[in-house]
Amino acid sequence: MSDEERVVSWLEENYKGLILGIIIGLSTLYGYKAYISSENSSQLELSRQYDLAIVQYNSGKIESILKFSKDNIIQNPKNIYTSLANLYSAKEMYAQSNYEEAYLFLDHIITYSPDAEIQSLAKYRKAKLLIEQEVYDDADLLLGEEPINYQHLELKGDLYLIQKKYLEAINFYNEALTYSVTPNERKNIIAKINLIK
């Protein structure tokens, strides 16, 4: 049996499997492309809705951003636009002294946002709100034992300063100064340390 005859024999035995493999491969490829296209279209539509809500917000109409946030907390909880809208919504709820709603928006970001920096910002804002409301233990717990950036370190120092735990406050302020901070931020932190001394 020659090589040519073996190839023909193998094709005769396996042609159905080859055709099926090609069909499955092409179906998977086109299905994936359709899925990506759908995801991109959804993201583009969310971006457009977010932009419109921000335009309304900037003109003093807050209803659009609140509606966008509430709708997308359920429909798109992990989407970046949901997190960004929630920051605006939390800010507005704070301005209206509706702290429970502000907490809900911030908690959603902390729990679901895929972006570590936005999560960090939400933790910072929630901790500031907790400190303002004198819920010190919750603020301390939220910031953690080892805060992740200089703003959290400074806020932890502020928390201890308010509680008259001066040594801990100084330690956190000094640790915040080890980060690259602007001259004004450095000046403010040093002023806090000098106030304690």
Protein backbone atom coordinates (compact mmCIF):
# COMPACT_ATOMS: atom_id res chain seq x y z
CA MET A 1 0.00 0.00 0.00
CA SER A 2 1.49 3.32 -1.09
CA ASP A 3 1.47 6.55 0.87
CA GLU A 4 -1.18 7.93 -1.44
CA GLU A 5 -3.46 4.97 -0.82
CA ARG A 6 -2.98 5.31 2.97
CA VAL A 7 -3.95 8.98 2.87
CA VAL A 8 -7.04 8.20 0.79
CA SER A 9 -7.95 5.34 3.13
CA TRP A 10 -7.50 7.55 6.20
CA LEU A 11 -9.66 10.31 4.65
CA GLU A 12 -12.38 7.80 3.80
CA GLU A 13 -12.40 6.61 7.42
CA ASN A 14 -12.23 10.06 9.05
CA TYR A 15 -13.90 12.53 6.68
CA LYS A 16 -17.04 12.81 8.83
CA GLY A 17 -14.98 13.73 11.89
CA LEU A 18 -12.97 16.29 9.90
CA ILE A 19 -16.09 17.96 8.53
CA LEU A 20 -17.69 17.96 11.99
CA GLY A 21 -14.51 19.46 13.50
CA ILE A 22 -14.44 22.21 10.88
CA ILE A 23 -18.12 23.01 11.43
CA ILE A 24 -17.69 23.13 15.23
CA GLY A 25 -14.54 25.25 14.92
CA LEU A 26 -16.19 27.77 12.59
CA SER A 27 -19.34 27.88 14.74
CA THR A 28 -17.26 28.55 17.85
CA LEU A 29 -15.27 31.27 16.10
CA TYR A 30 -18.33 33.07 14.75
CA GLY A 31 -20.20 32.63 18.01
CA TYR A 32 -17.32 34.21 19.92
CA LYS A 33 -17.12 37.08 17.44
CA ALA A 34 -20.88 37.66 17.82
CA TYR A 35 -20.54 37.62 21.63
CA ILE A 36 -17.67 40.15 21.56
CA SER A 37 -19.62 42.36 19.17
CA SER A 38 -22.65 42.23 21.47
CA GLU A 39 -20.50 43.08 24.51
CA ASN A 40 -18.93 46.01 22.67
CA SER A 41 -22.35 47.28 21.61
CA SER A 42 -23.62 47.02 25.21
CA GLN A 43 -20.56 48.85 26.52
CA LEU A 44 -20.96 51.57 23.90
CA GLU A 45 -24.63 52.03 24.82
CA LEU A 46 -23.78 52.22 28.55
CA SER A 47 -21.09 54.78 27.76
CA ARG A 48 -23.60 56.89 25.84
CA GLN A 49 -26.18 56.68 28.63
CA TYR A 50 -23.52 57.58 31.22
CA ASP A 51 -22.36 60.58 29.19
CA LEU A 52 -25.93 61.84 28.88
CA ALA A 53 -26.50 61.40 32.62
CA ILE A 54 -23.29 63.34 33.39
CA VAL A 55 -24.33 66.19 31.08
CA GLN A 56 -27.64 66.37 32.95
CA TYR A 57 -25.84 66.19 36.31
CA ASN A 58 -23.49 69.01 35.35
CA SER A 59 -26.48 71.16 34.44
CA GLY A 60 -27.93 70.61 37.92
CA LYS A 61 -30.37 67.79 37.10
CA ILE A 62 -29.44 64.86 39.31
CA GLU A 63 -32.31 62.51 38.46
CA SER A 64 -30.57 61.04 35.41
CA ILE A 65 -27.40 60.01 37.24
CA LEU A 66 -29.42 58.53 40.13
CA LYS A 67 -31.60 56.57 37.71
CA PHE A 68 -28.55 55.36 35.78
CA SER A 69 -26.93 54.20 39.02
CA LYS A 70 -30.00 52.42 40.35
CA ASP A 71 -30.76 50.70 37.04
CA ASN A 72 -27.21 49.52 36.49
CA ILE A 73 -26.57 48.37 40.06
CA ILE A 74 -28.92 45.54 39.14
CA GLN A 75 -28.33 45.15 35.39
CA ASN A 76 -24.57 45.80 35.18
CA PRO A 77 -23.16 45.62 38.71
CA LYS A 78 -19.50 45.18 37.71
CA ASN A 79 -19.43 47.71 34.89
CA ILE A 80 -17.04 50.64 35.24
CA TYR A 81 -19.76 53.11 34.27
CA THR A 82 -21.93 51.82 37.12
CA SER A 83 -19.08 52.45 39.55
CA LEU A 84 -18.42 55.94 38.20
CA ALA A 85 -22.11 56.86 38.32
CA ASN A 86 -22.31 55.51 41.87
CA LEU A 87 -19.54 57.91 42.93
CA TYR A 88 -21.62 60.83 41.65
CA SER A 89 -24.78 59.43 43.22
CA ALA A 90 -23.09 58.92 46.60
CA LYS A 91 -21.80 62.51 46.45
CA GLU A 92 -25.31 63.78 45.76
CA MET A 93 -26.85 61.67 48.54
CA TYR A 94 -24.23 63.05 50.92
CA ALA A 95 -25.08 66.61 49.84
CA GLN A 96 -28.72 65.85 50.64
CA SER A 97 -27.73 64.36 54.03
CA ASN A 98 -29.10 61.00 52.90
CA TYR A 99 -26.20 59.04 54.36
CA GLU A 100 -27.79 55.59 54.12
CA GLU A 101 -28.22 55.96 50.35
CA ALA A 102 -24.67 57.29 50.07
CA TYR A 103 -23.44 54.20 51.92
CA LEU A 104 -25.38 51.93 49.54
CA PHE A 105 -23.77 53.47 46.47
CA LEU A 106 -20.29 53.36 48.01
CA ASP A 107 -20.73 49.81 49.29
CA HIS A 108 -21.73 48.69 45.81
CA ILE A 109 -18.50 50.10 44.39
CA ILE A 110 -16.42 48.51 47.15
CA THR A 111 -18.04 45.13 46.55
CA TYR A 112 -18.36 45.00 42.76
CA SER A 113 -15.99 47.43 41.05
CA PRO A 114 -13.28 45.70 39.04
CA ASP A 115 -11.08 48.80 39.31
CA ALA A 116 -8.87 48.88 42.42
CA GLU A 117 -8.41 52.66 42.31
CA ILE A 118 -12.15 53.32 42.19
CA GLN A 119 -12.64 50.85 45.05
CA SER A 120 -9.96 52.70 47.00
CA LEU A 121 -11.68 56.04 46.36
CA ALA A 122 -15.02 54.61 47.49
CA LYS A 123 -13.43 53.27 50.70
CA TYR A 124 -11.84 56.66 51.34
CA ARG A 125 -15.14 58.51 50.87
CA LYS A 126 -17.06 56.04 53.01
CA ALA A 127 -14.45 56.19 55.77
CA LYS A 128 -14.60 60.01 55.73
CA LEU A 129 -18.37 59.85 56.02
CA LEU A 130 -18.15 57.35 58.88
CA ILE A 131 -15.65 59.57 60.71
CA GLU A 132 -17.89 62.58 60.19
CA GLN A 133 -20.74 60.60 61.74
CA GLU A 134 -18.44 59.51 64.58
CA VAL A 135 -18.66 55.82 63.68
CA TYR A 136 -14.96 55.43 64.35
CA ASP A 137 -14.74 51.65 64.71
CA ASP A 138 -16.36 51.07 61.31
CA ALA A 139 -14.07 53.65 59.68
CA ASP A 140 -11.03 52.00 61.27
CA LEU A 141 -12.15 48.58 60.09
CA LEU A 142 -12.81 49.85 56.56
CA LEU A 143 -9.38 51.44 56.26
CA GLY A 144 -7.75 48.27 57.59
CA GLU A 145 -4.57 47.65 59.53
CA GLU A 146 -2.34 48.45 56.57
CA PRO A 147 -3.92 51.18 54.44
CA ILE A 148 -3.02 50.93 50.78
CA ASN A 149 -2.16 54.53 49.87
CA TYR A 150 -1.13 57.79 51.46
CA GLN A 151 -4.69 59.18 51.49
CA HIS A 152 -5.88 56.23 53.51
CA LEU A 153 -2.85 56.55 55.79
CA GLU A 154 -3.53 60.24 56.35
CA LEU A 155 -7.21 59.56 57.01
CA LYS A 156 -6.27 56.83 59.48
CA GLY A 157 -4.02 59.41 61.17
CA ASP A 158 -6.95 61.83 61.26
CA LEU A 159 -9.12 59.15 62.81
CA TYR A 160 -6.59 58.53 65.58
CA LEU A 161 -6.09 62.27 66.08
CA ILE A 162 -9.82 62.72 66.65
CA GLN A 163 -9.74 59.85 69.15
CA LYS A 164 -6.73 61.44 70.91
CA LYS A 165 -4.51 58.46 70.06
CA TYR A 166 -1.65 60.77 69.25
CA LEU A 167 1.19 58.28 68.89
CA GLU A 168 -0.77 56.18 66.38
CA ALA A 169 -1.79 59.33 64.51
CA ILE A 170 1.83 60.48 64.20
CA ASN A 171 2.90 57.03 63.00
CA PHE A 172 0.30 57.03 60.22
CA TYR A 173 1.12 60.62 59.24
CA ASN A 174 4.83 59.77 59.05
CA GLU A 175 4.07 56.71 56.94
CA ALA A 176 1.96 58.86 54.61
CA LEU A 177 4.96 61.15 54.17
CA THR A 178 6.99 58.25 52.75
CA TYR A 179 4.78 58.35 49.64
CA SER A 180 5.19 60.74 46.75
CA VAL A 181 2.80 63.54 47.71
CA THR A 182 2.36 67.08 46.43
CA PRO A 183 4.09 69.89 48.34
CA ASN A 184 0.73 71.14 49.68
CA GLU A 185 -0.26 67.67 50.89
CA ARG A 186 3.15 67.26 52.55
CA LYS A 187 2.73 70.67 54.21
CA ASN A 188 -0.75 69.72 55.52
CA ILE A 189 0.44 66.40 56.93
CA ILE A 190 3.44 68.04 58.63
CA ALA A 191 1.12 70.68 60.09
CA LYS A 192 -1.01 67.90 61.61
CA ILE A 193 2.09 66.30 63.14
CA ASN A 194 3.21 69.66 64.55
CA LEU A 195 -0.28 70.26 65.97
CA ILE A 196 0.08 67.07 68.01
CA LYS A 197 3.57 67.91 69.27
